[in-house]
N, C-alpha and C. Protein backbone atom coordinates (compact mmCIF):
# COMPACT_ATOMS: atom_id res chain seq x y z
N MET A 1 12.27 -1.93 16.43
CA MET A 1 11.17 -1.96 15.46
C MET A 1 11.65 -1.41 14.11
N ARG A 2 11.41 -2.15 13.06
CA ARG A 2 11.80 -1.69 11.73
C ARG A 2 11.00 -0.46 11.33
N SER A 3 11.55 0.35 10.43
CA SER A 3 10.89 1.60 10.07
C SER A 3 10.35 1.61 8.65
N LYS A 4 10.64 0.58 7.86
CA LYS A 4 10.18 0.56 6.48
C LYS A 4 9.41 -0.74 6.21
N TYR A 5 8.31 -0.59 5.45
CA TYR A 5 7.44 -1.74 5.22
C TYR A 5 6.94 -1.75 3.78
N ILE A 6 6.78 -2.95 3.25
CA ILE A 6 6.20 -3.12 1.92
C ILE A 6 4.90 -3.90 2.07
N PHE A 7 3.79 -3.31 1.64
CA PHE A 7 2.51 -4.00 1.58
C PHE A 7 2.48 -4.72 0.23
N LEU A 8 2.60 -6.03 0.27
CA LEU A 8 2.91 -6.81 -0.93
C LEU A 8 1.76 -7.70 -1.39
N ASP A 9 1.39 -7.52 -2.64
CA ASP A 9 0.51 -8.45 -3.33
C ASP A 9 1.38 -9.50 -4.03
N ILE A 10 0.80 -10.60 -4.46
CA ILE A 10 1.58 -11.64 -5.15
C ILE A 10 1.20 -11.75 -6.61
N ASP A 11 -0.05 -12.10 -6.90
CA ASP A 11 -0.46 -12.25 -8.30
C ASP A 11 -0.44 -10.90 -9.00
N GLY A 12 0.24 -10.84 -10.13
CA GLY A 12 0.38 -9.59 -10.86
C GLY A 12 1.54 -8.74 -10.38
N VAL A 13 2.20 -9.19 -9.33
CA VAL A 13 3.37 -8.51 -8.79
C VAL A 13 4.56 -9.46 -8.80
N LEU A 14 4.44 -10.56 -8.05
CA LEU A 14 5.48 -11.59 -8.03
C LEU A 14 5.18 -12.73 -8.98
N CYS A 15 3.93 -12.96 -9.27
CA CYS A 15 3.52 -14.03 -10.20
C CYS A 15 2.87 -13.39 -11.43
N ILE A 16 3.48 -13.56 -12.59
CA ILE A 16 2.92 -12.96 -13.80
C ILE A 16 2.53 -14.00 -14.83
N ASP A 17 2.71 -15.28 -14.51
CA ASP A 17 2.27 -16.33 -15.42
C ASP A 17 0.78 -16.56 -15.24
N GLU A 18 0.16 -17.15 -16.25
CA GLU A 18 -1.28 -17.40 -16.17
C GLU A 18 -1.54 -18.63 -15.30
N HIS A 19 -2.29 -18.44 -14.23
CA HIS A 19 -2.63 -19.55 -13.33
C HIS A 19 -4.12 -19.54 -13.01
N ASP A 20 -4.92 -18.90 -13.89
CA ASP A 20 -6.33 -18.72 -13.54
C ASP A 20 -7.25 -19.72 -14.25
N ASN A 21 -6.68 -20.76 -14.85
CA ASN A 21 -7.56 -21.76 -15.44
C ASN A 21 -8.00 -22.76 -14.39
N GLU A 22 -8.99 -23.56 -14.72
CA GLU A 22 -9.59 -24.44 -13.73
C GLU A 22 -8.64 -25.55 -13.27
N GLU A 23 -7.59 -25.81 -14.05
CA GLU A 23 -6.67 -26.88 -13.70
C GLU A 23 -5.49 -26.38 -12.86
N SER A 24 -5.48 -25.10 -12.56
CA SER A 24 -4.38 -24.55 -11.78
C SER A 24 -4.33 -25.20 -10.40
N VAL A 25 -3.13 -25.43 -9.92
CA VAL A 25 -2.92 -26.00 -8.60
C VAL A 25 -2.31 -24.91 -7.72
N PHE A 26 -2.89 -24.71 -6.56
CA PHE A 26 -2.41 -23.69 -5.63
C PHE A 26 -1.63 -24.37 -4.51
N PRO A 27 -0.48 -23.82 -4.10
CA PRO A 27 0.18 -22.64 -4.63
C PRO A 27 1.02 -22.95 -5.85
N TYR A 28 1.35 -21.94 -6.60
CA TYR A 28 2.18 -22.10 -7.80
C TYR A 28 3.43 -21.24 -7.66
N PRO A 29 4.46 -21.51 -8.44
CA PRO A 29 5.73 -20.80 -8.26
C PRO A 29 5.64 -19.31 -8.57
N PHE A 30 6.44 -18.53 -7.84
CA PHE A 30 6.61 -17.13 -8.17
C PHE A 30 7.44 -17.02 -9.44
N THR A 31 7.31 -15.91 -10.14
CA THR A 31 8.10 -15.68 -11.35
C THR A 31 9.52 -15.27 -10.93
N VAL A 32 10.50 -16.02 -11.43
CA VAL A 32 11.89 -15.86 -10.99
C VAL A 32 12.39 -14.42 -11.16
N ASP A 33 12.13 -13.81 -12.30
CA ASP A 33 12.63 -12.45 -12.54
C ASP A 33 11.97 -11.43 -11.62
N CYS A 34 10.72 -11.66 -11.26
CA CYS A 34 10.05 -10.76 -10.32
C CYS A 34 10.65 -10.89 -8.92
N VAL A 35 10.97 -12.11 -8.54
CA VAL A 35 11.61 -12.35 -7.24
C VAL A 35 12.96 -11.64 -7.18
N LYS A 36 13.70 -11.68 -8.26
CA LYS A 36 15.00 -11.01 -8.28
C LYS A 36 14.86 -9.51 -8.03
N VAL A 37 13.84 -8.89 -8.63
CA VAL A 37 13.62 -7.46 -8.43
C VAL A 37 13.22 -7.19 -6.98
N LEU A 38 12.31 -8.00 -6.44
CA LEU A 38 11.89 -7.80 -5.05
C LEU A 38 13.09 -7.92 -4.11
N ASN A 39 13.94 -8.90 -4.35
CA ASN A 39 15.12 -9.08 -3.50
C ASN A 39 16.04 -7.86 -3.56
N LYS A 40 16.18 -7.27 -4.73
CA LYS A 40 17.01 -6.06 -4.85
C LYS A 40 16.40 -4.90 -4.06
N ILE A 41 15.08 -4.80 -4.09
CA ILE A 41 14.40 -3.75 -3.31
C ILE A 41 14.61 -3.99 -1.81
N LEU A 42 14.47 -5.23 -1.39
CA LEU A 42 14.64 -5.57 0.02
C LEU A 42 16.07 -5.32 0.49
N LEU A 43 17.04 -5.67 -0.34
CA LEU A 43 18.44 -5.45 0.02
C LEU A 43 18.77 -3.97 0.11
N ALA A 44 18.19 -3.18 -0.79
CA ALA A 44 18.49 -1.74 -0.82
C ALA A 44 17.80 -0.96 0.30
N THR A 45 16.69 -1.48 0.80
CA THR A 45 15.88 -0.72 1.77
C THR A 45 15.79 -1.36 3.15
N ASP A 46 16.07 -2.65 3.25
CA ASP A 46 15.91 -3.41 4.49
C ASP A 46 14.48 -3.34 5.01
N ALA A 47 13.53 -3.26 4.08
CA ALA A 47 12.12 -3.18 4.46
C ALA A 47 11.58 -4.54 4.87
N GLU A 48 10.54 -4.52 5.69
CA GLU A 48 9.81 -5.74 6.06
C GLU A 48 8.57 -5.87 5.19
N ILE A 49 8.08 -7.10 5.06
CA ILE A 49 6.94 -7.39 4.19
C ILE A 49 5.67 -7.61 5.02
N ILE A 50 4.61 -6.90 4.64
CA ILE A 50 3.26 -7.15 5.16
C ILE A 50 2.47 -7.70 3.98
N LEU A 51 1.97 -8.91 4.09
CA LEU A 51 1.29 -9.55 2.95
C LEU A 51 -0.16 -9.07 2.84
N THR A 52 -0.51 -8.56 1.65
CA THR A 52 -1.88 -8.12 1.38
C THR A 52 -2.61 -9.07 0.44
N SER A 53 -1.88 -9.94 -0.21
CA SER A 53 -2.43 -10.83 -1.23
C SER A 53 -3.47 -11.79 -0.66
N ASP A 54 -4.38 -12.23 -1.53
CA ASP A 54 -5.35 -13.25 -1.12
C ASP A 54 -4.69 -14.56 -0.74
N TRP A 55 -3.41 -14.70 -1.07
CA TRP A 55 -2.68 -15.89 -0.63
C TRP A 55 -2.71 -16.03 0.89
N ARG A 56 -2.78 -14.93 1.60
CA ARG A 56 -2.81 -15.00 3.06
C ARG A 56 -4.05 -15.74 3.53
N ILE A 57 -5.14 -15.58 2.78
CA ILE A 57 -6.39 -16.27 3.13
C ILE A 57 -6.28 -17.75 2.81
N HIS A 58 -5.70 -18.06 1.65
CA HIS A 58 -5.51 -19.47 1.27
C HIS A 58 -4.65 -20.21 2.29
N PHE A 59 -3.69 -19.49 2.89
CA PHE A 59 -2.82 -20.09 3.89
C PHE A 59 -3.35 -19.90 5.31
N ASP A 60 -4.60 -19.47 5.45
CA ASP A 60 -5.23 -19.28 6.76
C ASP A 60 -4.40 -18.38 7.67
N TYR A 61 -3.74 -17.36 7.09
CA TYR A 61 -2.96 -16.39 7.84
C TYR A 61 -1.83 -17.03 8.64
N ASP A 62 -1.40 -18.21 8.20
CA ASP A 62 -0.31 -18.93 8.86
C ASP A 62 1.02 -18.39 8.36
N LEU A 63 1.66 -17.52 9.15
CA LEU A 63 2.90 -16.88 8.72
C LEU A 63 4.02 -17.89 8.53
N LYS A 64 4.01 -18.95 9.30
CA LYS A 64 5.05 -19.97 9.16
C LYS A 64 4.93 -20.66 7.80
N ALA A 65 3.71 -21.02 7.42
CA ALA A 65 3.49 -21.67 6.12
C ALA A 65 3.78 -20.70 4.98
N ILE A 66 3.35 -19.45 5.14
CA ILE A 66 3.61 -18.44 4.12
C ILE A 66 5.12 -18.23 3.97
N GLY A 67 5.83 -18.20 5.10
CA GLY A 67 7.27 -18.03 5.07
C GLY A 67 7.97 -19.15 4.32
N LYS A 68 7.51 -20.37 4.51
CA LYS A 68 8.10 -21.51 3.78
C LYS A 68 7.92 -21.34 2.28
N GLU A 69 6.76 -20.80 1.87
CA GLU A 69 6.50 -20.58 0.45
C GLU A 69 7.43 -19.50 -0.11
N PHE A 70 7.65 -18.46 0.67
CA PHE A 70 8.58 -17.41 0.23
C PHE A 70 10.00 -17.94 0.12
N LYS A 71 10.42 -18.73 1.11
CA LYS A 71 11.77 -19.30 1.07
C LYS A 71 11.92 -20.28 -0.09
N ARG A 72 10.88 -21.06 -0.35
CA ARG A 72 10.92 -22.01 -1.45
C ARG A 72 11.10 -21.29 -2.78
N ASN A 73 10.57 -20.07 -2.86
CA ASN A 73 10.70 -19.28 -4.08
C ASN A 73 11.89 -18.32 -4.05
N LYS A 74 12.75 -18.51 -3.02
CA LYS A 74 14.02 -17.78 -2.93
C LYS A 74 13.87 -16.27 -2.68
N VAL A 75 12.78 -15.88 -2.02
CA VAL A 75 12.65 -14.50 -1.55
C VAL A 75 13.47 -14.40 -0.26
N ILE A 76 14.29 -13.36 -0.14
CA ILE A 76 15.25 -13.30 0.97
C ILE A 76 14.60 -12.92 2.30
N LYS A 77 13.37 -12.44 2.27
CA LYS A 77 12.63 -12.16 3.50
C LYS A 77 11.23 -12.73 3.38
N SER A 78 10.68 -13.11 4.53
CA SER A 78 9.31 -13.59 4.57
C SER A 78 8.42 -12.54 5.23
N PRO A 79 7.12 -12.56 4.95
CA PRO A 79 6.21 -11.60 5.59
C PRO A 79 6.24 -11.72 7.10
N ILE A 80 6.22 -10.56 7.77
CA ILE A 80 6.17 -10.55 9.24
C ILE A 80 4.74 -10.43 9.74
N ASP A 81 3.81 -10.11 8.82
CA ASP A 81 2.42 -9.97 9.22
C ASP A 81 1.54 -9.93 7.96
N THR A 82 0.24 -9.94 8.17
CA THR A 82 -0.72 -9.84 7.07
C THR A 82 -1.74 -8.76 7.41
N THR A 83 -2.35 -8.20 6.38
CA THR A 83 -3.44 -7.25 6.60
C THR A 83 -4.72 -8.00 6.94
N PRO A 84 -5.67 -7.34 7.59
CA PRO A 84 -6.95 -7.98 7.91
C PRO A 84 -7.77 -8.18 6.63
N ASP A 85 -8.81 -8.99 6.74
CA ASP A 85 -9.67 -9.26 5.58
C ASP A 85 -10.99 -8.51 5.73
N TYR A 86 -11.23 -7.57 4.81
CA TYR A 86 -12.51 -6.87 4.76
C TYR A 86 -13.19 -7.17 3.42
N ASN A 87 -13.37 -8.46 3.17
CA ASN A 87 -14.07 -8.92 1.97
C ASN A 87 -13.45 -8.37 0.68
N GLY A 88 -12.12 -8.38 0.64
CA GLY A 88 -11.44 -7.96 -0.57
C GLY A 88 -11.31 -6.47 -0.77
N GLN A 89 -11.71 -5.66 0.21
CA GLN A 89 -11.57 -4.20 0.11
C GLN A 89 -10.14 -3.83 0.50
N ARG A 90 -9.24 -4.01 -0.45
CA ARG A 90 -7.81 -3.94 -0.12
C ARG A 90 -7.38 -2.55 0.33
N SER A 91 -7.93 -1.51 -0.26
CA SER A 91 -7.57 -0.17 0.19
C SER A 91 -7.90 0.01 1.67
N LYS A 92 -9.06 -0.45 2.06
CA LYS A 92 -9.47 -0.35 3.47
C LYS A 92 -8.58 -1.23 4.34
N GLU A 93 -8.23 -2.41 3.84
CA GLU A 93 -7.38 -3.33 4.61
C GLU A 93 -6.02 -2.70 4.90
N ILE A 94 -5.42 -2.08 3.88
CA ILE A 94 -4.11 -1.46 4.05
C ILE A 94 -4.21 -0.20 4.90
N PHE A 95 -5.17 0.65 4.57
CA PHE A 95 -5.32 1.91 5.30
C PHE A 95 -5.57 1.66 6.77
N THR A 96 -6.42 0.71 7.08
CA THR A 96 -6.73 0.40 8.48
C THR A 96 -5.52 -0.16 9.20
N TYR A 97 -4.74 -1.00 8.50
CA TYR A 97 -3.54 -1.56 9.11
C TYR A 97 -2.56 -0.44 9.48
N VAL A 98 -2.34 0.48 8.56
CA VAL A 98 -1.42 1.60 8.83
C VAL A 98 -1.94 2.44 9.99
N TYR A 99 -3.25 2.70 9.99
CA TYR A 99 -3.86 3.52 11.04
C TYR A 99 -3.70 2.85 12.41
N ASN A 100 -3.83 1.53 12.45
CA ASN A 100 -3.77 0.80 13.72
C ASN A 100 -2.35 0.49 14.18
N HIS A 101 -1.36 0.76 13.33
CA HIS A 101 0.04 0.51 13.68
C HIS A 101 0.80 1.83 13.51
N SER A 102 0.71 2.66 14.51
CA SER A 102 1.22 4.03 14.41
C SER A 102 2.74 4.08 14.23
N TYR A 103 3.44 2.98 14.52
CA TYR A 103 4.90 2.98 14.34
C TYR A 103 5.29 2.92 12.86
N ILE A 104 4.35 2.61 11.98
CA ILE A 104 4.66 2.56 10.55
C ILE A 104 4.70 3.97 10.01
N LYS A 105 5.88 4.42 9.65
CA LYS A 105 6.08 5.77 9.14
C LYS A 105 6.42 5.78 7.65
N SER A 106 7.18 4.79 7.22
CA SER A 106 7.65 4.73 5.84
C SER A 106 7.18 3.41 5.23
N PHE A 107 6.40 3.50 4.16
CA PHE A 107 5.90 2.27 3.57
C PHE A 107 5.65 2.43 2.07
N LEU A 108 5.54 1.28 1.43
CA LEU A 108 5.31 1.18 -0.01
C LEU A 108 4.24 0.12 -0.24
N ILE A 109 3.35 0.38 -1.20
CA ILE A 109 2.33 -0.59 -1.58
C ILE A 109 2.65 -1.07 -3.00
N LEU A 110 2.77 -2.38 -3.18
CA LEU A 110 2.98 -2.98 -4.50
C LEU A 110 1.78 -3.85 -4.81
N ASP A 111 1.02 -3.49 -5.84
CA ASP A 111 -0.22 -4.21 -6.14
C ASP A 111 -0.60 -3.95 -7.59
N ASP A 112 -1.29 -4.92 -8.20
CA ASP A 112 -1.78 -4.71 -9.56
C ASP A 112 -3.22 -4.22 -9.58
N MET A 113 -3.83 -4.12 -8.40
CA MET A 113 -5.19 -3.59 -8.32
C MET A 113 -5.15 -2.07 -8.33
N ASN A 114 -6.26 -1.46 -8.73
CA ASN A 114 -6.36 0.00 -8.74
C ASN A 114 -6.83 0.47 -7.37
N LEU A 115 -5.90 0.66 -6.47
CA LEU A 115 -6.24 1.01 -5.10
C LEU A 115 -6.50 2.51 -4.97
N LYS A 116 -7.24 2.87 -3.92
CA LYS A 116 -7.67 4.26 -3.73
C LYS A 116 -6.95 4.96 -2.58
N CYS A 117 -6.00 4.28 -1.97
CA CYS A 117 -5.34 4.89 -0.81
C CYS A 117 -3.86 5.14 -1.08
N CYS A 118 -3.32 6.12 -0.37
CA CYS A 118 -1.88 6.33 -0.29
C CYS A 118 -1.22 6.45 -1.67
N SER A 119 -1.69 7.38 -2.48
CA SER A 119 -1.28 7.48 -3.88
C SER A 119 0.21 7.70 -4.08
N MET A 120 0.87 8.42 -3.17
CA MET A 120 2.30 8.67 -3.33
C MET A 120 3.16 7.49 -2.91
N ARG A 121 2.55 6.57 -2.17
CA ARG A 121 3.29 5.39 -1.69
C ARG A 121 2.81 4.11 -2.37
N PHE A 122 2.09 4.24 -3.47
CA PHE A 122 1.52 3.09 -4.18
C PHE A 122 2.09 3.00 -5.59
N LEU A 123 2.66 1.83 -5.92
CA LEU A 123 3.11 1.55 -7.27
C LEU A 123 2.25 0.42 -7.83
N ARG A 124 1.47 0.75 -8.85
CA ARG A 124 0.61 -0.25 -9.46
C ARG A 124 1.37 -0.98 -10.56
N THR A 125 1.41 -2.30 -10.46
CA THR A 125 2.09 -3.11 -11.46
C THR A 125 1.10 -3.59 -12.52
N LYS A 126 1.62 -3.98 -13.67
CA LYS A 126 0.81 -4.59 -14.71
C LYS A 126 0.87 -6.11 -14.52
N LYS A 127 -0.31 -6.74 -14.54
CA LYS A 127 -0.37 -8.15 -14.14
C LYS A 127 0.45 -9.09 -15.01
N ASP A 128 0.73 -8.68 -16.26
CA ASP A 128 1.51 -9.54 -17.14
C ASP A 128 3.00 -9.17 -17.14
N ILE A 129 3.38 -8.17 -16.33
CA ILE A 129 4.77 -7.75 -16.25
C ILE A 129 5.26 -7.78 -14.81
N GLY A 130 4.40 -7.37 -13.89
CA GLY A 130 4.75 -7.37 -12.47
C GLY A 130 5.94 -6.50 -12.17
N LEU A 131 6.82 -6.99 -11.31
CA LEU A 131 7.97 -6.21 -10.88
C LEU A 131 9.07 -6.13 -11.94
N THR A 132 8.89 -6.79 -13.06
CA THR A 132 9.90 -6.69 -14.12
C THR A 132 9.73 -5.42 -14.95
N GLU A 133 8.68 -4.64 -14.68
CA GLU A 133 8.47 -3.40 -15.42
C GLU A 133 9.63 -2.44 -15.22
N PRO A 134 10.20 -1.89 -16.28
CA PRO A 134 11.33 -0.97 -16.15
C PRO A 134 11.00 0.22 -15.25
N GLY A 135 11.91 0.53 -14.37
CA GLY A 135 11.77 1.70 -13.50
C GLY A 135 11.10 1.43 -12.17
N ILE A 136 10.39 0.32 -12.04
CA ILE A 136 9.63 0.11 -10.81
C ILE A 136 10.55 -0.14 -9.62
N LYS A 137 11.66 -0.81 -9.84
CA LYS A 137 12.61 -1.06 -8.75
C LYS A 137 13.15 0.27 -8.20
N ASP A 138 13.59 1.15 -9.10
CA ASP A 138 14.15 2.43 -8.67
C ASP A 138 13.10 3.29 -7.98
N ASN A 139 11.87 3.27 -8.48
CA ASN A 139 10.80 4.04 -7.84
C ASN A 139 10.50 3.51 -6.44
N ALA A 140 10.50 2.19 -6.30
CA ALA A 140 10.24 1.58 -5.00
C ALA A 140 11.32 1.97 -3.99
N ILE A 141 12.56 1.91 -4.42
CA ILE A 141 13.67 2.26 -3.54
C ILE A 141 13.61 3.74 -3.16
N TYR A 142 13.25 4.59 -4.12
CA TYR A 142 13.12 6.02 -3.83
C TYR A 142 12.05 6.26 -2.75
N ILE A 143 10.89 5.64 -2.92
CA ILE A 143 9.79 5.85 -1.97
C ILE A 143 10.21 5.44 -0.56
N LEU A 144 10.92 4.33 -0.45
CA LEU A 144 11.29 3.83 0.88
C LEU A 144 12.52 4.51 1.47
N ASN A 145 13.46 4.92 0.62
CA ASN A 145 14.72 5.46 1.13
C ASN A 145 14.82 6.99 1.09
N GLU A 146 14.14 7.62 0.14
CA GLU A 146 14.34 9.04 -0.09
C GLU A 146 13.13 9.91 0.28
N LEU A 147 11.93 9.41 0.07
CA LEU A 147 10.74 10.20 0.33
C LEU A 147 10.59 10.47 1.82
N ASP A 148 10.37 11.73 2.18
CA ASP A 148 10.14 12.09 3.58
C ASP A 148 8.67 11.85 3.91
N HIS A 149 8.38 10.68 4.46
CA HIS A 149 6.99 10.29 4.71
C HIS A 149 6.33 11.15 5.79
N SER A 150 7.13 11.77 6.63
CA SER A 150 6.56 12.62 7.68
C SER A 150 5.93 13.87 7.09
N HIS A 151 6.26 14.20 5.84
CA HIS A 151 5.69 15.37 5.19
C HIS A 151 4.62 15.01 4.17
N VAL A 152 4.26 13.74 4.10
CA VAL A 152 3.21 13.31 3.18
C VAL A 152 1.86 13.34 3.90
N HIS A 153 0.94 14.12 3.38
CA HIS A 153 -0.41 14.21 3.95
C HIS A 153 -1.43 13.83 2.87
N THR A 154 -2.65 13.58 3.32
CA THR A 154 -3.74 13.27 2.40
C THR A 154 -4.70 14.45 2.35
N CYS A 155 -5.01 14.91 1.16
CA CYS A 155 -5.89 16.06 0.98
C CYS A 155 -7.28 15.73 1.54
N ILE A 156 -7.83 16.62 2.35
CA ILE A 156 -9.14 16.38 2.94
C ILE A 156 -10.28 16.63 1.95
N ASN A 157 -9.93 17.15 0.78
CA ASN A 157 -10.97 17.39 -0.24
C ASN A 157 -11.00 16.29 -1.30
N CYS A 158 -9.82 15.97 -1.88
CA CYS A 158 -9.81 15.04 -3.01
C CYS A 158 -9.15 13.71 -2.70
N ASP A 159 -8.60 13.52 -1.48
CA ASP A 159 -8.02 12.27 -1.03
C ASP A 159 -6.69 11.94 -1.70
N THR A 160 -6.09 12.92 -2.39
CA THR A 160 -4.79 12.72 -3.02
C THR A 160 -3.69 12.98 -2.00
N GLU A 161 -2.64 12.17 -2.03
CA GLU A 161 -1.49 12.43 -1.17
C GLU A 161 -0.64 13.53 -1.76
N PHE A 162 -0.03 14.34 -0.89
CA PHE A 162 0.83 15.42 -1.34
C PHE A 162 1.87 15.71 -0.27
N VAL A 163 2.97 16.35 -0.68
CA VAL A 163 4.00 16.77 0.27
C VAL A 163 3.63 18.15 0.78
N ILE A 164 3.52 18.30 2.09
CA ILE A 164 2.99 19.53 2.66
C ILE A 164 3.91 20.72 2.40
N GLY A 165 3.28 21.86 2.24
CA GLY A 165 3.98 23.13 2.12
C GLY A 165 3.41 24.06 3.16
N ASN A 166 2.73 25.12 2.70
CA ASN A 166 2.10 26.06 3.63
C ASN A 166 0.76 25.53 4.15
N ASP A 167 0.17 24.58 3.42
CA ASP A 167 -1.14 24.05 3.77
C ASP A 167 -1.00 22.56 4.11
N ASN A 168 -1.34 22.22 5.33
CA ASN A 168 -1.20 20.82 5.77
C ASN A 168 -2.40 19.95 5.42
N TYR A 169 -3.46 20.54 4.88
CA TYR A 169 -4.70 19.78 4.74
C TYR A 169 -5.23 19.66 3.31
N THR A 170 -4.86 20.56 2.43
CA THR A 170 -5.32 20.45 1.04
C THR A 170 -4.13 20.52 0.09
N CYS A 171 -4.30 19.89 -1.08
CA CYS A 171 -3.16 19.72 -1.99
C CYS A 171 -3.04 20.83 -3.03
N SER A 172 -4.06 21.67 -3.16
CA SER A 172 -4.03 22.70 -4.20
C SER A 172 -4.96 23.85 -3.82
N THR A 173 -4.83 24.94 -4.56
CA THR A 173 -5.71 26.08 -4.30
C THR A 173 -7.15 25.74 -4.62
N ASN A 174 -7.36 24.90 -5.62
CA ASN A 174 -8.73 24.49 -5.96
C ASN A 174 -9.38 23.71 -4.81
N CYS A 175 -8.60 22.78 -4.23
CA CYS A 175 -9.14 21.99 -3.11
C CYS A 175 -9.35 22.87 -1.88
N ARG A 176 -8.45 23.84 -1.67
CA ARG A 176 -8.64 24.76 -0.55
C ARG A 176 -9.93 25.56 -0.74
N SER A 177 -10.21 25.99 -1.98
CA SER A 177 -11.43 26.75 -2.26
C SER A 177 -12.66 25.91 -1.98
N GLU A 178 -12.61 24.63 -2.34
CA GLU A 178 -13.74 23.74 -2.09
C GLU A 178 -14.00 23.57 -0.60
N ILE A 179 -12.93 23.44 0.18
CA ILE A 179 -13.08 23.30 1.63
C ILE A 179 -13.63 24.57 2.25
N GLU A 180 -13.17 25.73 1.77
CA GLU A 180 -13.68 26.99 2.30
C GLU A 180 -15.16 27.18 1.96
N LYS A 181 -15.57 26.71 0.78
CA LYS A 181 -17.00 26.76 0.43
C LYS A 181 -17.81 25.89 1.38
N LEU A 182 -17.27 24.71 1.69
CA LEU A 182 -17.93 23.81 2.63
C LEU A 182 -18.06 24.47 4.00
N LYS A 183 -16.99 25.06 4.47
CA LYS A 183 -17.02 25.72 5.78
C LYS A 183 -18.06 26.83 5.84
N SER A 184 -18.21 27.54 4.72
CA SER A 184 -19.12 28.70 4.70
C SER A 184 -20.58 28.30 4.84
N THR A 185 -20.88 27.01 4.68
CA THR A 185 -22.26 26.55 4.80
C THR A 185 -22.68 26.32 6.25
N TYR A 186 -21.73 26.43 7.19
CA TYR A 186 -22.01 26.20 8.60
C TYR A 186 -22.07 27.52 9.36
N LYS A 187 -22.96 27.60 10.33
CA LYS A 187 -23.00 28.79 11.19
C LYS A 187 -21.71 28.90 11.99
N THR A 188 -21.26 27.74 12.49
CA THR A 188 -19.96 27.68 13.16
C THR A 188 -19.05 26.81 12.31
N PRO A 189 -18.21 27.41 11.48
CA PRO A 189 -17.40 26.63 10.54
C PRO A 189 -16.48 25.64 11.25
N PRO A 190 -16.43 24.40 10.78
CA PRO A 190 -15.52 23.42 11.37
C PRO A 190 -14.08 23.75 11.00
N THR A 191 -13.16 23.38 11.87
CA THR A 191 -11.74 23.59 11.57
C THR A 191 -11.25 22.51 10.60
N ASP A 192 -10.09 22.76 10.01
CA ASP A 192 -9.48 21.74 9.16
C ASP A 192 -9.25 20.44 9.94
N GLU A 193 -8.88 20.59 11.21
CA GLU A 193 -8.62 19.41 12.03
C GLU A 193 -9.87 18.56 12.19
N ILE A 194 -11.01 19.21 12.40
CA ILE A 194 -12.27 18.48 12.55
C ILE A 194 -12.64 17.78 11.24
N ILE A 195 -12.47 18.48 10.13
CA ILE A 195 -12.76 17.87 8.82
C ILE A 195 -11.84 16.70 8.57
N ASN A 196 -10.57 16.86 8.91
CA ASN A 196 -9.60 15.79 8.71
C ASN A 196 -9.97 14.55 9.52
N ASP A 197 -10.36 14.75 10.78
CA ASP A 197 -10.76 13.62 11.62
C ASP A 197 -11.99 12.93 11.06
N PHE A 198 -12.93 13.72 10.55
CA PHE A 198 -14.14 13.14 9.97
C PHE A 198 -13.79 12.30 8.74
N VAL A 199 -12.96 12.83 7.87
CA VAL A 199 -12.56 12.12 6.65
C VAL A 199 -11.82 10.84 7.02
N LEU A 200 -10.91 10.92 7.98
CA LEU A 200 -10.14 9.77 8.41
C LEU A 200 -11.04 8.66 8.93
N ASN A 201 -11.94 9.00 9.82
CA ASN A 201 -12.84 8.01 10.39
C ASN A 201 -13.76 7.43 9.33
N ASN A 202 -14.17 8.25 8.39
CA ASN A 202 -15.05 7.78 7.32
C ASN A 202 -14.32 6.80 6.43
N LYS A 203 -13.04 7.06 6.14
CA LYS A 203 -12.27 6.15 5.29
C LYS A 203 -12.08 4.81 5.95
N ILE A 204 -11.86 4.82 7.25
CA ILE A 204 -11.68 3.56 7.97
C ILE A 204 -12.95 2.71 7.86
N LYS A 205 -14.09 3.37 7.81
CA LYS A 205 -15.36 2.63 7.75
C LYS A 205 -15.69 2.14 6.35
N ILE A 206 -15.44 2.97 5.32
CA ILE A 206 -15.99 2.64 4.01
C ILE A 206 -14.98 2.50 2.89
N TYR A 207 -13.69 2.70 3.16
CA TYR A 207 -12.71 2.59 2.07
C TYR A 207 -12.86 1.26 1.35
N ASN A 208 -12.87 1.33 0.03
CA ASN A 208 -12.93 0.08 -0.75
C ASN A 208 -12.23 0.28 -2.08
């Protein structure tokens, strides 16, 4: 089982040309320079691709057809899977996929949308630049090759990702103070573990 994964969007990441007019024909070519950057990331990390783009819906989740499109555009790897569809709630789609596939330890999200999950593992691209943006290749490789994902936790107060130190559940003294205030409102204060489980289950239900 591979250990590194890229949750990949297409429009605004691999495709930066304008294709949103009424005469556009789907599918349309990927932007060559963006493909070159993605291939360099794939070669440097040996990561697998999980497709998050709406293209997966257009292709009826047919990985064989999607793979042909990637090969036609000279991407050196094709997606091995797709995220589920929760009516365009991409943060929930990605978060739920990671939660349901416990073997995924190291991953990167590439998307031009303003997502709310996994802030330390998310690189937001600009839709008119995509992967050609300076520095994004090196940042992507760092996240997949250098970042210790086993030490990345999500703050139970503000939902920000952080590298754990003495506190496994909150990212700052301010967030710790907020959690302690919350605990003080209960006759029997909940543990951090209970709060974490509640937050996790809540995100799976309503993340958007």
